[in-house]
């Protein structure tokens, strides 16, 4: 028996409809403040509650790494665990096709 056949004759009661709508409204009200909090999130060195401690690479070290790699314009760079993207940004400023994956 197909799912469509099982639910074809289903008619929710007024109470079930009200409960479904109330659940959706509650979910929206709970999720909206959470989205606002995550959009202003700024990581800190040694931050608690994370699986891995995030430590930003100092800008002079980013530049030195790119110098040591002898990267050239139009080459590609893939930064795994790119954090705030500073290595990707620095590489793109040098003309590389750069992508970061966090």
N, C-alpha and C. Protein backbone atom coordinates (compact mmCIF):
# COMPACT_ATOMS: atom_id res chain seq x y z
N UNK A 1 0.84 -1.17 0.00
CA UNK A 1 0.00 0.00 0.00
C UNK A 1 0.89 1.24 0.00
N UNK A 2 0.60 2.17 -0.88
CA UNK A 2 1.38 3.40 -0.99
C UNK A 2 0.99 4.39 0.10
N UNK A 3 1.94 5.27 0.44
CA UNK A 3 1.68 6.28 1.46
C UNK A 3 0.50 7.16 1.07
N UNK A 4 0.40 7.51 -0.19
CA UNK A 4 -0.71 8.35 -0.64
C UNK A 4 -2.05 7.68 -0.38
N UNK A 5 -2.09 6.37 -0.52
CA UNK A 5 -3.34 5.65 -0.28
C UNK A 5 -3.69 5.65 1.20
N UNK A 6 -2.69 5.56 2.06
CA UNK A 6 -2.93 5.52 3.50
C UNK A 6 -3.50 6.85 3.97
N UNK A 7 -2.96 7.97 3.48
CA UNK A 7 -3.36 9.29 3.96
C UNK A 7 -4.46 9.94 3.12
N UNK A 8 -4.89 9.29 2.05
CA UNK A 8 -5.88 9.90 1.16
C UNK A 8 -7.18 10.24 1.89
N UNK A 9 -7.61 9.39 2.83
CA UNK A 9 -8.85 9.64 3.53
C UNK A 9 -8.69 10.33 4.86
N UNK A 10 -7.47 10.78 5.18
CA UNK A 10 -7.21 11.40 6.49
C UNK A 10 -7.79 12.80 6.53
N UNK A 11 -8.62 13.08 7.51
CA UNK A 11 -9.20 14.41 7.71
C UNK A 11 -8.89 14.85 9.13
N UNK A 12 -7.93 15.80 9.31
CA UNK A 12 -7.59 16.24 10.67
C UNK A 12 -8.75 17.00 11.30
N UNK A 13 -8.87 16.83 12.59
CA UNK A 13 -9.90 17.56 13.33
C UNK A 13 -9.45 19.00 13.53
N UNK A 14 -10.37 19.84 13.96
CA UNK A 14 -10.04 21.24 14.25
C UNK A 14 -8.94 21.29 15.31
N UNK A 15 -9.04 20.47 16.33
CA UNK A 15 -8.04 20.44 17.40
C UNK A 15 -6.67 20.06 16.86
N UNK A 16 -6.61 19.09 15.94
CA UNK A 16 -5.33 18.69 15.36
C UNK A 16 -4.74 19.80 14.50
N UNK A 17 -5.60 20.51 13.80
CA UNK A 17 -5.12 21.63 12.98
C UNK A 17 -4.57 22.75 13.85
N UNK A 18 -5.31 23.07 14.92
CA UNK A 18 -4.86 24.12 15.84
C UNK A 18 -3.53 23.71 16.48
N UNK A 19 -3.41 22.45 16.88
CA UNK A 19 -2.17 21.97 17.49
C UNK A 19 -1.01 22.04 16.51
N UNK A 20 -1.26 21.71 15.24
CA UNK A 20 -0.20 21.77 14.23
C UNK A 20 0.24 23.21 14.00
N UNK A 21 -0.71 24.11 13.90
CA UNK A 21 -0.37 25.52 13.69
C UNK A 21 0.36 26.09 14.90
N UNK A 22 -0.10 25.75 16.09
CA UNK A 22 0.56 26.22 17.32
C UNK A 22 2.00 25.71 17.38
N UNK A 23 2.22 24.47 16.98
CA UNK A 23 3.57 23.89 16.97
C UNK A 23 4.47 24.65 16.01
N UNK A 24 3.95 24.96 14.82
CA UNK A 24 4.74 25.70 13.84
C UNK A 24 5.07 27.11 14.33
N UNK A 25 4.09 27.78 14.92
CA UNK A 25 4.32 29.13 15.45
C UNK A 25 5.35 29.10 16.57
N UNK A 26 5.23 28.13 17.46
CA UNK A 26 6.19 28.01 18.56
C UNK A 26 7.59 27.74 18.03
N UNK A 27 7.70 26.85 17.06
CA UNK A 27 9.01 26.55 16.47
C UNK A 27 9.61 27.80 15.85
N UNK A 28 8.80 28.59 15.17
CA UNK A 28 9.28 29.84 14.57
C UNK A 28 9.75 30.82 15.64
N UNK A 29 8.97 30.96 16.69
CA UNK A 29 9.32 31.91 17.76
C UNK A 29 10.59 31.50 18.49
N UNK A 30 10.80 30.21 18.63
CA UNK A 30 12.01 29.72 19.30
C UNK A 30 13.22 29.87 18.37
N UNK A 31 13.04 29.57 17.08
CA UNK A 31 14.17 29.59 16.14
C UNK A 31 14.62 30.99 15.78
N UNK A 32 13.73 31.95 15.73
CA UNK A 32 14.08 33.31 15.31
C UNK A 32 15.14 33.95 16.20
N UNK A 33 15.00 33.94 17.54
CA UNK A 33 16.07 34.52 18.36
C UNK A 33 17.38 33.75 18.24
N UNK A 34 17.31 32.43 18.04
CA UNK A 34 18.52 31.65 17.89
C UNK A 34 19.27 32.05 16.64
N UNK A 35 18.55 32.32 15.55
CA UNK A 35 19.19 32.76 14.33
C UNK A 35 19.85 34.12 14.53
N UNK A 36 19.22 35.00 15.26
CA UNK A 36 19.79 36.31 15.51
C UNK A 36 21.07 36.19 16.32
N UNK A 37 21.10 35.26 17.27
CA UNK A 37 22.29 35.07 18.09
C UNK A 37 23.44 34.52 17.26
N UNK A 38 23.19 33.56 16.37
CA UNK A 38 24.26 32.96 15.60
C UNK A 38 24.82 33.91 14.56
N UNK A 39 24.01 34.86 14.07
CA UNK A 39 24.52 35.77 13.05
C UNK A 39 25.53 36.76 13.64
N UNK A 40 25.50 37.03 14.94
CA UNK A 40 26.45 37.95 15.55
C UNK A 40 27.56 37.21 16.28
N UNK A 41 27.70 35.91 16.05
CA UNK A 41 28.71 35.09 16.70
C UNK A 41 30.11 35.51 16.26
N UNK A 42 30.99 35.70 17.22
CA UNK A 42 32.38 35.99 16.92
C UNK A 42 33.25 35.03 17.73
N UNK A 43 34.02 34.16 17.04
CA UNK A 43 34.85 33.20 17.77
C UNK A 43 35.98 33.89 18.53
N UNK A 44 36.39 33.26 19.65
CA UNK A 44 37.48 33.77 20.47
C UNK A 44 38.50 32.66 20.68
N UNK A 45 39.74 33.03 20.84
CA UNK A 45 40.79 32.06 21.12
C UNK A 45 40.48 31.38 22.45
N UNK A 46 40.54 30.04 22.48
CA UNK A 46 40.31 29.29 23.71
C UNK A 46 38.86 29.23 24.13
N UNK A 47 37.96 29.47 23.21
CA UNK A 47 36.53 29.50 23.52
C UNK A 47 36.05 28.14 24.02
N UNK A 48 35.30 28.14 25.10
CA UNK A 48 34.77 26.90 25.66
C UNK A 48 33.56 26.43 24.88
N UNK A 49 33.30 25.13 24.99
CA UNK A 49 32.09 24.56 24.41
C UNK A 49 32.21 24.18 22.95
N UNK A 50 33.38 24.23 22.39
CA UNK A 50 33.57 23.86 20.99
C UNK A 50 34.39 22.58 20.94
N UNK A 51 34.24 21.83 19.84
CA UNK A 51 34.98 20.59 19.68
C UNK A 51 36.48 20.85 19.53
N UNK A 52 36.80 21.90 18.84
CA UNK A 52 38.20 22.24 18.57
C UNK A 52 38.40 23.71 18.93
N UNK A 53 39.51 24.02 19.53
CA UNK A 53 39.81 25.40 19.89
C UNK A 53 40.21 26.14 18.62
N UNK A 54 39.57 27.27 18.37
CA UNK A 54 39.87 28.08 17.20
C UNK A 54 40.94 29.10 17.57
N UNK A 55 42.01 29.09 16.81
CA UNK A 55 43.09 30.05 17.03
C UNK A 55 43.40 30.68 15.67
N UNK A 56 43.15 31.98 15.51
CA UNK A 56 43.41 32.61 14.22
C UNK A 56 44.90 32.70 13.93
N UNK A 57 45.25 32.52 12.67
CA UNK A 57 46.64 32.64 12.25
C UNK A 57 46.97 34.13 12.12
N UNK A 58 48.05 34.59 12.76
CA UNK A 58 48.42 36.01 12.63
C UNK A 58 48.68 36.36 11.16
N UNK A 59 48.29 37.54 10.77
CA UNK A 59 48.41 37.98 9.37
C UNK A 59 49.84 37.87 8.83
N UNK A 60 50.88 38.27 9.59
CA UNK A 60 52.24 38.11 9.05
C UNK A 60 52.58 36.64 8.75
N UNK A 61 52.05 35.72 9.55
CA UNK A 61 52.31 34.30 9.31
C UNK A 61 51.58 33.81 8.07
N UNK A 62 50.38 34.31 7.84
CA UNK A 62 49.64 33.97 6.62
C UNK A 62 50.46 34.38 5.40
N UNK A 63 50.96 35.61 5.42
CA UNK A 63 51.74 36.10 4.29
C UNK A 63 53.03 35.27 4.10
N UNK A 64 53.66 34.93 5.22
CA UNK A 64 54.90 34.13 5.16
C UNK A 64 54.62 32.74 4.59
N UNK A 65 53.50 32.12 4.98
CA UNK A 65 53.15 30.79 4.45
C UNK A 65 52.94 30.85 2.94
N UNK A 66 52.26 31.89 2.48
CA UNK A 66 52.04 32.02 1.04
C UNK A 66 53.35 32.29 0.31
N UNK A 67 54.25 33.06 0.93
CA UNK A 67 55.58 33.29 0.34
C UNK A 67 56.34 31.97 0.24
N UNK A 68 56.34 31.19 1.32
CA UNK A 68 57.08 29.92 1.34
C UNK A 68 56.51 28.93 0.33
N UNK A 69 55.21 28.98 0.09
CA UNK A 69 54.59 28.08 -0.88
C UNK A 69 54.85 28.55 -2.31
N UNK A 70 55.42 29.75 -2.45
CA UNK A 70 55.73 30.33 -3.77
C UNK A 70 54.52 30.27 -4.70
N UNK A 71 53.38 30.72 -4.17
CA UNK A 71 52.15 30.70 -4.96
C UNK A 71 52.23 31.76 -6.06
N UNK A 72 51.59 31.45 -7.18
CA UNK A 72 51.56 32.35 -8.33
C UNK A 72 50.11 32.67 -8.68
N UNK A 73 49.87 33.85 -9.26
CA UNK A 73 48.52 34.19 -9.70
C UNK A 73 47.97 33.09 -10.63
N UNK A 74 46.67 32.89 -10.57
CA UNK A 74 45.93 31.89 -11.35
C UNK A 74 46.14 30.46 -10.86
N UNK A 75 46.92 30.25 -9.81
CA UNK A 75 46.98 28.93 -9.19
C UNK A 75 45.77 28.78 -8.28
N UNK A 76 45.57 27.57 -7.77
CA UNK A 76 44.43 27.30 -6.89
C UNK A 76 44.91 26.99 -5.48
N UNK A 77 44.12 27.44 -4.51
CA UNK A 77 44.40 27.16 -3.12
C UNK A 77 43.11 26.68 -2.46
N UNK A 78 43.21 25.57 -1.73
CA UNK A 78 42.08 25.06 -0.96
C UNK A 78 42.52 25.03 0.50
N UNK A 79 41.83 25.77 1.34
CA UNK A 79 42.17 25.85 2.76
C UNK A 79 41.12 25.07 3.54
N UNK A 80 41.51 23.91 4.05
CA UNK A 80 40.61 23.09 4.87
C UNK A 80 40.68 23.57 6.30
N UNK A 81 39.52 23.80 6.91
CA UNK A 81 39.50 24.37 8.26
C UNK A 81 39.87 25.84 8.20
N UNK A 82 39.22 26.57 7.30
CA UNK A 82 39.62 27.93 6.97
C UNK A 82 39.27 28.98 8.02
N UNK A 83 38.52 28.60 9.05
CA UNK A 83 38.24 29.55 10.14
C UNK A 83 37.60 30.82 9.64
N UNK A 84 38.25 31.95 9.89
CA UNK A 84 37.69 33.23 9.48
C UNK A 84 38.04 33.58 8.03
N UNK A 85 38.76 32.71 7.35
CA UNK A 85 39.03 32.89 5.92
C UNK A 85 40.21 33.78 5.58
N UNK A 86 41.03 34.11 6.57
CA UNK A 86 42.10 35.06 6.29
C UNK A 86 43.14 34.53 5.30
N UNK A 87 43.41 33.22 5.30
CA UNK A 87 44.35 32.66 4.33
C UNK A 87 43.76 32.70 2.93
N UNK A 88 42.48 32.36 2.83
CA UNK A 88 41.78 32.38 1.54
C UNK A 88 41.75 33.81 0.99
N UNK A 89 41.45 34.76 1.85
CA UNK A 89 41.39 36.17 1.42
C UNK A 89 42.76 36.65 0.96
N UNK A 90 43.79 36.33 1.73
CA UNK A 90 45.15 36.75 1.36
C UNK A 90 45.57 36.13 0.03
N UNK A 91 45.23 34.86 -0.18
CA UNK A 91 45.57 34.19 -1.43
C UNK A 91 44.82 34.83 -2.60
N UNK A 92 43.54 35.13 -2.41
CA UNK A 92 42.74 35.76 -3.48
C UNK A 92 43.31 37.14 -3.81
N UNK A 93 43.80 37.86 -2.80
CA UNK A 93 44.38 39.18 -3.05
C UNK A 93 45.66 39.08 -3.88
N UNK A 94 46.28 37.89 -3.86
CA UNK A 94 47.48 37.66 -4.67
C UNK A 94 47.13 37.11 -6.06
N UNK A 95 45.85 36.98 -6.35
CA UNK A 95 45.42 36.53 -7.67
C UNK A 95 45.16 35.05 -7.80
N UNK A 96 45.16 34.33 -6.68
CA UNK A 96 44.87 32.90 -6.73
C UNK A 96 43.38 32.67 -6.74
N UNK A 97 42.97 31.51 -7.26
CA UNK A 97 41.59 31.08 -7.11
C UNK A 97 41.55 30.32 -5.79
N UNK A 98 41.00 30.94 -4.77
CA UNK A 98 41.09 30.39 -3.42
C UNK A 98 39.70 30.04 -2.88
N UNK A 99 39.65 28.89 -2.20
CA UNK A 99 38.41 28.44 -1.58
C UNK A 99 38.72 27.95 -0.16
N UNK A 100 37.81 28.23 0.74
CA UNK A 100 37.96 27.78 2.11
C UNK A 100 36.81 26.88 2.51
N UNK A 101 37.11 25.83 3.24
CA UNK A 101 36.09 24.90 3.74
C UNK A 101 36.25 24.82 5.24
N UNK A 102 35.17 25.13 5.94
CA UNK A 102 35.22 25.06 7.41
C UNK A 102 34.53 23.82 7.88
